[in-house]
Amino acid sequence: MRRTLDAVLAGRLEVDVRDQLPLTDAAEAHRRIESGPRHRQARPGCLAAGKRECDAREGSEGIRKLTYYLGSSLDGFIATPDGSIDAFPVTEDVIEFMAADYPETLPTHLREQLGVTAPGRRFDTVVMDRNTYAPALQAGIVSPFAHLDQYVVSTTLPASPDPRVQVVAGDPVELVGRLKHRPGAGIWLAGGARLAGALLGEIDELVIKRYPVVLGAGIPFSMTGQVRSVPFELVDDRILPGGTTVARYTRTT
């Protein structure tokens, strides 16, 4: 079964009981993925140090991490030139991975439809731009991630259509700086490219789902308007059964 990412995120799909994925037990989904032979860890020095020390290296004490978690084509585009993400196939193994490892990134309505009950493992806040928020609005969903604190960075959205969504017209760097120093779990940057470019200096972690498709042209995952080199280190890399790869990087400076 294949679903397009637009359909998954905006909810434009009808889930029949016979068509539901076996995700009521997210731990079981995680076990199936982890037991596959194609998952591998990178960063040998980190492995030698052990998980606790490795985790300590990846985040600063008392400061929340900003993670840019995104989907990309093989040639580095997050959407076609017109902003569509229909070309990205979301197969069962991708949804199983998301449900097991990043359940917070599934929209609330989709979590309910798929029976995903796993608690948040990484994030309690999401930051996005208007274009990322738009597919949900077009589907009549005003609070797509009701299980998270939601911030939409936009100077053109007049007001929030839902009290659970905060519209921020000011500096996104200032917003993320404030959020990082508040108590809580991690912060998920959901996109888009210009917002990611503006926040490049604040991104602590990249998680890139690379779908097995080439777009040829489109929107890159970061648009800064200037050349800027920011070093990251690969800490985890896996290949899902359907061919999608997931790489996690942490910032080294």
C-alpha atoms as a PDB file:
ATOM      1  CA  MET A   1       0.000   0.000   0.000  1.00  0.00           C
ATOM      2  CA  ARG A   2       1.272   3.470  -0.921  1.00  0.00           C
ATOM      3  CA  ARG A   3       0.016   6.789   0.362  1.00  0.00           C
ATOM      4  CA  THR A   4       1.207  10.204  -0.662  1.00  0.00           C
ATOM      5  CA  LEU A   5       2.594  12.481   2.007  1.00  0.00           C
ATOM      6  CA  ASP A   6       0.008  15.177   1.241  1.00  0.00           C
ATOM      7  CA  ALA A   7      -2.744  12.703   2.011  1.00  0.00           C
ATOM      8  CA  VAL A   8      -1.124  11.547   5.226  1.00  0.00           C
ATOM      9  CA  LEU A   9      -0.420  15.015   6.598  1.00  0.00           C
ATOM     10  CA  ALA A  10      -3.633  16.717   5.538  1.00  0.00           C
ATOM     11  CA  GLY A  11      -5.858  13.782   6.374  1.00  0.00           C
ATOM     12  CA  ARG A  12      -7.259  13.336   2.856  1.00  0.00           C
ATOM     13  CA  LEU A  13      -7.638   9.591   3.258  1.00  0.00           C
ATOM     14  CA  GLU A  14     -10.355   7.285   4.469  1.00  0.00           C
ATOM     15  CA  VAL A  15      -9.103   4.654   6.902  1.00  0.00           C
ATOM     16  CA  ASP A  16     -11.161   1.471   6.820  1.00  0.00           C
ATOM     17  CA  VAL A  17     -10.794  -0.994   9.691  1.00  0.00           C
ATOM     18  CA  ARG A  18      -9.428  -3.577   7.238  1.00  0.00           C
ATOM     19  CA  ASP A  19      -6.898  -1.035   5.956  1.00  0.00           C
ATOM     20  CA  GLN A  20      -5.511   0.093   9.291  1.00  0.00           C
ATOM     21  CA  LEU A  21      -1.861  -0.545   9.918  1.00  0.00           C
ATOM     22  CA  PRO A  22      -0.971  -2.743  12.893  1.00  0.00           C
ATOM     23  CA  LEU A  23       0.206   0.185  14.962  1.00  0.00           C
ATOM     24  CA  THR A  24      -1.804  -0.151  18.149  1.00  0.00           C
ATOM     25  CA  ASP A  25       1.327  -1.499  19.720  1.00  0.00           C
ATOM     26  CA  ALA A  26       4.026   0.990  18.749  1.00  0.00           C
ATOM     27  CA  ALA A  27       6.603  -1.033  20.658  1.00  0.00           C
ATOM     28  CA  GLU A  28       5.939  -3.998  18.380  1.00  0.00           C
ATOM     29  CA  ALA A  29       6.355  -1.791  15.316  1.00  0.00           C
ATOM     30  CA  HIS A  30       9.625  -0.559  16.746  1.00  0.00           C
ATOM     31  CA  ARG A  31      10.749  -4.138  17.417  1.00  0.00           C
ATOM     32  CA  ARG A  32      10.052  -5.171  13.823  1.00  0.00           C
ATOM     33  CA  ILE A  33      12.029  -2.252  12.443  1.00  0.00           C
ATOM     34  CA  GLU A  34      14.938  -2.621  14.855  1.00  0.00           C
ATOM     35  CA  SER A  35      15.205  -6.368  14.269  1.00  0.00           C
ATOM     36  CA  GLY A  36      15.825  -5.861  10.548  1.00  0.00           C
ATOM     37  CA  PRO A  37      19.385  -6.348   9.283  1.00  0.00           C
ATOM     38  CA  ARG A  38      19.565  -2.951   7.608  1.00  0.00           C
ATOM     39  CA  HIS A  39      19.742  -0.659  10.638  1.00  0.00           C
ATOM     40  CA  ARG A  40      23.208   0.546  11.468  1.00  0.00           C
ATOM     41  CA  GLN A  41      24.669   3.008  13.911  1.00  0.00           C
ATOM     42  CA  ALA A  42      27.320   5.482  12.932  1.00  0.00           C
ATOM     43  CA  ARG A  43      29.797   7.400  15.065  1.00  0.00           C
ATOM     44  CA  PRO A  44      31.981   4.621  16.508  1.00  0.00           C
ATOM     45  CA  GLY A  45      33.460   6.910  19.151  1.00  0.00           C
ATOM     46  CA  CYS A  46      29.992   7.604  20.465  1.00  0.00           C
ATOM     47  CA  LEU A  47      29.183   3.899  20.564  1.00  0.00           C
ATOM     48  CA  ALA A  48      32.349   3.164  22.496  1.00  0.00           C
ATOM     49  CA  ALA A  49      31.485   5.836  25.050  1.00  0.00           C
ATOM     50  CA  GLY A  50      28.097   4.297  25.771  1.00  0.00           C
ATOM     51  CA  LYS A  51      24.553   5.638  25.377  1.00  0.00           C
ATOM     52  CA  ARG A  52      24.483   7.897  28.450  1.00  0.00           C
ATOM     53  CA  GLU A  53      27.694   9.706  27.577  1.00  0.00           C
ATOM     54  CA  CYS A  54      26.674   9.857  23.917  1.00  0.00           C
ATOM     55  CA  ASP A  55      23.346  11.475  24.791  1.00  0.00           C
ATOM     56  CA  ALA A  56      25.118  13.962  27.014  1.00  0.00           C
ATOM     57  CA  ARG A  57      27.371  14.985  24.140  1.00  0.00           C
ATOM     58  CA  GLU A  58      24.415  15.578  21.820  1.00  0.00           C
ATOM     59  CA  GLY A  59      22.615  18.205  23.901  1.00  0.00           C
ATOM     60  CA  SER A  60      23.520  21.005  26.249  1.00  0.00           C
ATOM     61  CA  GLU A  61      22.266  20.693  29.805  1.00  0.00           C
ATOM     62  CA  GLY A  62      19.151  22.734  30.491  1.00  0.00           C
ATOM     63  CA  ILE A  63      18.699  23.817  26.871  1.00  0.00           C
ATOM     64  CA  ARG A  64      16.160  22.152  24.615  1.00  0.00           C
ATOM     65  CA  LYS A  65      17.259  20.949  21.183  1.00  0.00           C
ATOM     66  CA  LEU A  66      15.793  22.168  17.902  1.00  0.00           C
ATOM     67  CA  THR A  67      15.454  19.266  15.474  1.00  0.00           C
ATOM     68  CA  TYR A  68      14.724  19.797  11.811  1.00  0.00           C
ATOM     69  CA  TYR A  69      12.861  16.586  10.949  1.00  0.00           C
ATOM     70  CA  LEU A  70      11.953  16.454   7.281  1.00  0.00           C
ATOM     71  CA  GLY A  71      11.349  14.381   4.183  1.00  0.00           C
ATOM     72  CA  SER A  72      13.473  14.813   1.074  1.00  0.00           C
ATOM     73  CA  SER A  73      13.949  13.424  -2.409  1.00  0.00           C
ATOM     74  CA  LEU A  74      17.204  11.730  -3.344  1.00  0.00           C
ATOM     75  CA  ASP A  75      18.359  14.961  -4.956  1.00  0.00           C
ATOM     76  CA  GLY A  76      17.679  17.073  -1.880  1.00  0.00           C
ATOM     77  CA  PHE A  77      14.270  18.659  -2.502  1.00  0.00           C
ATOM     78  CA  ILE A  78      11.482  18.789   0.090  1.00  0.00           C
ATOM     79  CA  ALA A  79       8.804  19.579  -2.507  1.00  0.00           C
ATOM     80  CA  THR A  80       8.280  20.225  -6.201  1.00  0.00           C
ATOM     81  CA  PRO A  81       8.633  23.813  -7.453  1.00  0.00           C
ATOM     82  CA  ASP A  82       4.917  24.442  -6.805  1.00  0.00           C
ATOM     83  CA  GLY A  83       5.189  23.158  -3.241  1.00  0.00           C
ATOM     84  CA  SER A  84       3.590  19.748  -3.771  1.00  0.00           C
ATOM     85  CA  ILE A  85       4.830  16.723  -1.842  1.00  0.00           C
ATOM     86  CA  ASP A  86       2.612  14.198  -3.617  1.00  0.00           C
ATOM     87  CA  ALA A  87       5.636  12.527  -5.190  1.00  0.00           C
ATOM     88  CA  PHE A  88       6.866  11.231  -1.830  1.00  0.00           C
ATOM     89  CA  PRO A  89       5.450   7.748  -1.167  1.00  0.00           C
ATOM     90  CA  VAL A  90       4.588   6.966   2.432  1.00  0.00           C
ATOM     91  CA  THR A  91       4.566   3.183   2.656  1.00  0.00           C
ATOM     92  CA  GLU A  92       3.657   1.042   5.643  1.00  0.00           C
ATOM     93  CA  ASP A  93       7.259   0.735   6.788  1.00  0.00           C
ATOM     94  CA  VAL A  94       7.639   4.530   6.830  1.00  0.00           C
ATOM     95  CA  ILE A  95       4.526   4.997   8.950  1.00  0.00           C
ATOM     96  CA  GLU A  96       5.642   2.184  11.262  1.00  0.00           C
ATOM     97  CA  PHE A  97       8.978   3.935  11.687  1.00  0.00           C
ATOM     98  CA  MET A  98       7.300   7.268  12.406  1.00  0.00           C
ATOM     99  CA  ALA A  99       4.898   5.691  14.883  1.00  0.00           C
ATOM    100  CA  ALA A 100       7.680   3.882  16.736  1.00  0.00           C
ATOM    101  CA  ASP A 101      10.450   6.479  16.697  1.00  0.00           C
ATOM    102  CA  TYR A 102       8.777   9.839  16.063  1.00  0.00           C
ATOM    103  CA  PRO A 103       5.103   9.415  17.065  1.00  0.00           C
ATOM    104  CA  GLU A 104       4.785  13.133  17.834  1.00  0.00           C
ATOM    105  CA  THR A 105       5.262  13.975  14.146  1.00  0.00           C
ATOM    106  CA  LEU A 106       2.071  12.192  13.113  1.00  0.00           C
ATOM    107  CA  PRO A 107      -0.899  14.609  13.029  1.00  0.00           C
ATOM    108  CA  THR A 108      -3.306  14.118  15.897  1.00  0.00           C
ATOM    109  CA  HIS A 109      -6.211  12.969  13.714  1.00  0.00           C
ATOM    110  CA  LEU A 110      -3.997  10.429  11.963  1.00  0.00           C
ATOM    111  CA  ARG A 111      -2.696   9.077  15.271  1.00  0.00           C
ATOM    112  CA  GLU A 112      -6.287   8.427  16.279  1.00  0.00           C
ATOM    113  CA  GLN A 113      -7.184   6.793  12.945  1.00  0.00           C
ATOM    114  CA  LEU A 114      -4.155   4.513  13.041  1.00  0.00           C
ATOM    115  CA  GLY A 115      -4.444   3.656  16.706  1.00  0.00           C
ATOM    116  CA  VAL A 116      -1.077   5.195  17.597  1.00  0.00           C
ATOM    117  CA  THR A 117      -1.107   5.593  21.353  1.00  0.00           C
ATOM    118  CA  ALA A 118       2.628   5.797  22.044  1.00  0.00           C
ATOM    119  CA  PRO A 119       3.541   8.791  24.215  1.00  0.00           C
ATOM    120  CA  GLY A 120       5.885  11.458  22.937  1.00  0.00           C
ATOM    121  CA  ARG A 121       9.498  10.330  22.920  1.00  0.00           C
ATOM    122  CA  ARG A 122      11.297  13.442  21.709  1.00  0.00           C
ATOM    123  CA  PHE A 123       9.185  16.571  21.185  1.00  0.00           C
ATOM    124  CA  ASP A 124       6.506  18.570  22.935  1.00  0.00           C
ATOM    125  CA  THR A 125       6.637  21.605  20.617  1.00  0.00           C
ATOM    126  CA  VAL A 126       6.403  22.132  16.862  1.00  0.00           C
ATOM    127  CA  VAL A 127       7.446  25.232  14.903  1.00  0.00           C
ATOM    128  CA  MET A 128       6.357  25.635  11.264  1.00  0.00           C
ATOM    129  CA  ASP A 129       5.717  28.264   8.630  1.00  0.00           C
ATOM    130  CA  ARG A 130       2.420  29.104   6.974  1.00  0.00           C
ATOM    131  CA  ASN A 131       3.050  26.896   3.940  1.00  0.00           C
ATOM    132  CA  THR A 132       3.612  23.877   6.180  1.00  0.00           C
ATOM    133  CA  TYR A 133       0.429  24.690   8.103  1.00  0.00           C
ATOM    134  CA  ALA A 134      -1.628  25.308   4.941  1.00  0.00           C
ATOM    135  CA  PRO A 135      -2.471  21.695   3.901  1.00  0.00           C
ATOM    136  CA  ALA A 136      -4.144  21.076   7.255  1.00  0.00           C
ATOM    137  CA  LEU A 137      -6.113  24.330   7.007  1.00  0.00           C
ATOM    138  CA  GLN A 138      -7.260  23.429   3.511  1.00  0.00           C
ATOM    139  CA  ALA A 139      -8.535  20.126   4.881  1.00  0.00           C
ATOM    140  CA  GLY A 140     -10.430  21.944   7.637  1.00  0.00           C
ATOM    141  CA  ILE A 141      -7.972  20.928  10.370  1.00  0.00           C
ATOM    142  CA  VAL A 142      -7.046  24.014  12.386  1.00  0.00           C
ATOM    143  CA  SER A 143      -4.965  22.246  15.049  1.00  0.00           C
ATOM    144  CA  PRO A 144      -3.051  19.479  13.245  1.00  0.00           C
ATOM    145  CA  PHE A 145      -0.712  18.687  16.150  1.00  0.00           C
ATOM    146  CA  ALA A 146      -3.014  19.189  19.115  1.00  0.00           C
ATOM    147  CA  HIS A 147      -0.790  16.912  21.215  1.00  0.00           C
ATOM    148  CA  LEU A 148       2.053  19.490  20.910  1.00  0.00           C
ATOM    149  CA  ASP A 149       2.550  23.182  21.575  1.00  0.00           C
ATOM    150  CA  GLN A 150       2.121  24.637  18.085  1.00  0.00           C
ATOM    151  CA  TYR A 151       3.769  27.775  16.689  1.00  0.00           C
ATOM    152  CA  VAL A 152       3.213  29.064  13.159  1.00  0.00           C
ATOM    153  CA  VAL A 153       5.712  31.694  12.021  1.00  0.00           C
ATOM    154  CA  SER A 154       3.939  33.972   9.568  1.00  0.00           C
ATOM    155  CA  THR A 155       3.611  37.667   8.785  1.00  0.00           C
ATOM    156  CA  THR A 156       0.628  37.084   6.485  1.00  0.00           C
ATOM    157  CA  LEU A 157      -1.649  34.891   8.604  1.00  0.00           C
ATOM    158  CA  PRO A 158      -3.920  37.473  10.248  1.00  0.00           C
ATOM    159  CA  ALA A 159      -4.832  35.515  13.363  1.00  0.00           C
ATOM    160  CA  SER A 160      -4.802  32.006  14.702  1.00  0.00           C
ATOM    161  CA  PRO A 161      -7.917  30.015  13.808  1.00  0.00           C
ATOM    162  CA  ASP A 162      -7.495  27.941  16.962  1.00  0.00           C
ATOM    163  CA  PRO A 163      -6.371  28.904  20.484  1.00  0.00           C
ATOM    164  CA  ARG A 164      -4.043  25.889  20.535  1.00  0.00           C
ATOM    165  CA  VAL A 165      -2.034  27.347  17.632  1.00  0.00           C
ATOM    166  CA  GLN A 166       0.076  30.439  18.261  1.00  0.00           C
ATOM    167  CA  VAL A 167       0.832  32.638  15.250  1.00  0.00           C
ATOM    168  CA  VAL A 168       4.152  34.455  15.587  1.00  0.00           C
ATOM    169  CA  ALA A 169       4.891  37.386  13.275  1.00  0.00           C
ATOM    170  CA  GLY A 170       8.188  38.308  14.900  1.00  0.00           C
ATOM    171  CA  ASP A 171      11.751  37.053  14.609  1.00  0.00           C
ATOM    172  CA  PRO A 172      11.813  33.214  14.505  1.00  0.00           C
ATOM    173  CA  VAL A 173      15.331  33.175  15.975  1.00  0.00           C
ATOM    174  CA  GLU A 174      14.076  35.076  19.013  1.00  0.00           C
ATOM    175  CA  LEU A 175      11.101  32.717  19.306  1.00  0.00           C
ATOM    176  CA  VAL A 176      13.261  29.581  19.220  1.00  0.00           C
ATOM    177  CA  GLY A 177      15.724  31.147  21.649  1.00  0.00           C
ATOM    178  CA  ARG A 178      12.916  31.642  24.150  1.00  0.00           C
ATOM    179  CA  LEU A 179      11.557  28.143  23.620  1.00  0.00           C
ATOM    180  CA  LYS A 180      14.969  26.538  24.083  1.00  0.00           C
ATOM    181  CA  HIS A 181      15.306  28.015  27.552  1.00  0.00           C
ATOM    182  CA  ARG A 182      11.881  26.895  28.723  1.00  0.00           C
ATOM    183  CA  PRO A 183      11.475  23.557  30.526  1.00  0.00           C
ATOM    184  CA  GLY A 184      10.286  20.747  28.320  1.00  0.00           C
ATOM    185  CA  ALA A 185      11.196  18.195  25.694  1.00  0.00           C
ATOM    186  CA  GLY A 186      12.673  18.832  22.262  1.00  0.00           C
ATOM    187  CA  ILE A 187      11.428  21.272  19.632  1.00  0.00           C
ATOM    188  CA  TRP A 188      10.495  19.991  16.203  1.00  0.00           C
ATOM    189  CA  LEU A 189      11.084  22.293  13.240  1.00  0.00           C
ATOM    190  CA  ALA A 190       8.593  21.073  10.632  1.00  0.00           C
ATOM    191  CA  GLY A 191       9.497  23.488   7.819  1.00  0.00           C
ATOM    192  CA  GLY A 192       9.516  25.100   5.417  1.00  0.00           C
ATOM    193  CA  ALA A 193      12.717  25.929   3.600  1.00  0.00           C
ATOM    194  CA  ARG A 194      12.895  29.662   4.287  1.00  0.00           C
ATOM    195  CA  LEU A 195      12.118  29.206   7.961  1.00  0.00           C
ATOM    196  CA  ALA A 196      14.774  26.490   8.166  1.00  0.00           C
ATOM    197  CA  GLY A 197      17.211  28.855   6.489  1.00  0.00           C
ATOM    198  CA  ALA A 198      16.418  31.611   8.975  1.00  0.00           C
ATOM    199  CA  LEU A 199      16.899  29.164  11.851  1.00  0.00           C
ATOM    200  CA  LEU A 200      19.981  27.420  10.481  1.00  0.00           C
ATOM    201  CA  GLY A 201      22.120  28.785  13.291  1.00  0.00           C
ATOM    202  CA  GLU A 202      19.678  27.378  15.867  1.00  0.00           C
ATOM    203  CA  ILE A 203      19.292  23.846  14.467  1.00  0.00           C
ATOM    204  CA  ASP A 204      20.948  21.283  16.759  1.00  0.00           C
ATOM    205  CA  GLU A 205      19.872  18.121  14.974  1.00  0.00           C
ATOM    206  CA  LEU A 206      18.822  17.041  11.478  1.00  0.00           C
ATOM    207  CA  VAL A 207      16.675  13.985  10.803  1.00  0.00           C
ATOM    208  CA  ILE A 208      16.291  13.440   7.073  1.00  0.00           C
ATOM    209  CA  LYS A 209      13.924  10.865   5.628  1.00  0.00           C
ATOM    210  CA  ARG A 210      15.168  10.431   2.073  1.00  0.00           C
ATOM    211  CA  TYR A 211      12.508   8.896  -0.146  1.00  0.00           C
ATOM    212  CA  PRO A 212      13.594   6.753  -3.138  1.00  0.00           C
ATOM    213  CA  VAL A 213      12.516   9.285  -5.751  1.00  0.00           C
ATOM    214  CA  VAL A 214      14.276  11.973  -7.799  1.00  0.00           C
ATOM    215  CA  LEU A 215      12.378  15.223  -8.437  1.00  0.00           C
ATOM    216  CA  GLY A 216      14.862  16.947 -10.732  1.00  0.00           C
ATOM    217  CA  ALA A 217      13.850  20.396  -9.466  1.00  0.00           C
ATOM    218  CA  GLY A 218      12.056  21.797  -6.480  1.00  0.00           C
ATOM    219  CA  ILE A 219      12.385  23.484  -3.110  1.00  0.00           C
ATOM    220  CA  PRO A 220      15.615  22.682  -1.214  1.00  0.00           C
ATOM    221  CA  PHE A 221      15.361  21.789   2.439  1.00  0.00           C
ATOM    222  CA  SER A 222      16.991  25.058   3.481  1.00  0.00           C
ATOM    223  CA  MET A 223      16.967  28.476   1.827  1.00  0.00           C
ATOM    224  CA  THR A 224      19.217  31.046   3.467  1.00  0.00           C
ATOM    225  CA  GLY A 225      19.894  33.385   0.576  1.00  0.00           C
ATOM    226  CA  GLN A 226      23.602  33.177   1.291  1.00  0.00           C
ATOM    227  CA  VAL A 227      26.390  30.617   1.404  1.00  0.00           C
ATOM    228  CA  ARG A 228      26.891  29.315   4.921  1.00  0.00           C
ATOM    229  CA  SER A 229      28.697  26.202   6.092  1.00  0.00           C
ATOM    230  CA  VAL A 230      27.352  24.520   9.224  1.00  0.00           C
ATOM    231  CA  PRO A 231      29.019  21.195  10.164  1.00  0.00           C
ATOM    232  CA  PHE A 232      26.995  18.187  11.314  1.00  0.00           C
ATOM    233  CA  GLU A 233      28.023  14.677  12.329  1.00  0.00           C
ATOM    234  CA  LEU A 234      26.185  11.486  11.349  1.00  0.00           C
ATOM    235  CA  VAL A 235      25.052   9.635  14.469  1.00  0.00           C
ATOM    236  CA  ASP A 236      22.473   7.194  13.110  1.00  0.00           C
ATOM    237  CA  ASP A 237      21.618   5.815   9.691  1.00  0.00           C
ATOM    238  CA  ARG A 238      19.063   3.231   8.687  1.00  0.00           C
ATOM    239  CA  ILE A 239      17.412   1.791   5.601  1.00  0.00           C
ATOM    240  CA  LEU A 240      13.718   0.950   5.813  1.00  0.00           C
ATOM    241  CA  PRO A 241      12.421  -2.101   3.935  1.00  0.00           C
ATOM    242  CA  GLY A 242      10.747  -0.006   1.223  1.00  0.00           C
ATOM    243  CA  GLY A 243      13.947   1.847   0.361  1.00  0.00           C
ATOM    244  CA  THR A 244      13.481   5.055   2.333  1.00  0.00           C
ATOM    245  CA  THR A 245      16.570   5.956   4.357  1.00  0.00           C
ATOM    246  CA  VAL A 246      16.620   7.882   7.630  1.00  0.00           C
ATOM    247  CA  ALA A 247      19.783   9.684   8.680  1.00  0.00           C
ATOM    248  CA  ARG A 248      20.232  11.599  11.926  1.00  0.00           C
ATOM    249  CA  TYR A 249      22.912  14.242  12.323  1.00  0.00           C
ATOM    250  CA  THR A 250      23.945  16.389  15.268  1.00  0.00           C
ATOM    251  CA  ARG A 251      25.644  19.748  15.033  1.00  0.00           C
ATOM    252  CA  THR A 252      29.322  19.663  15.909  1.00  0.00           C
ATOM    253  CA  THR A 253      29.874  23.366  16.722  1.00  0.00           C
END
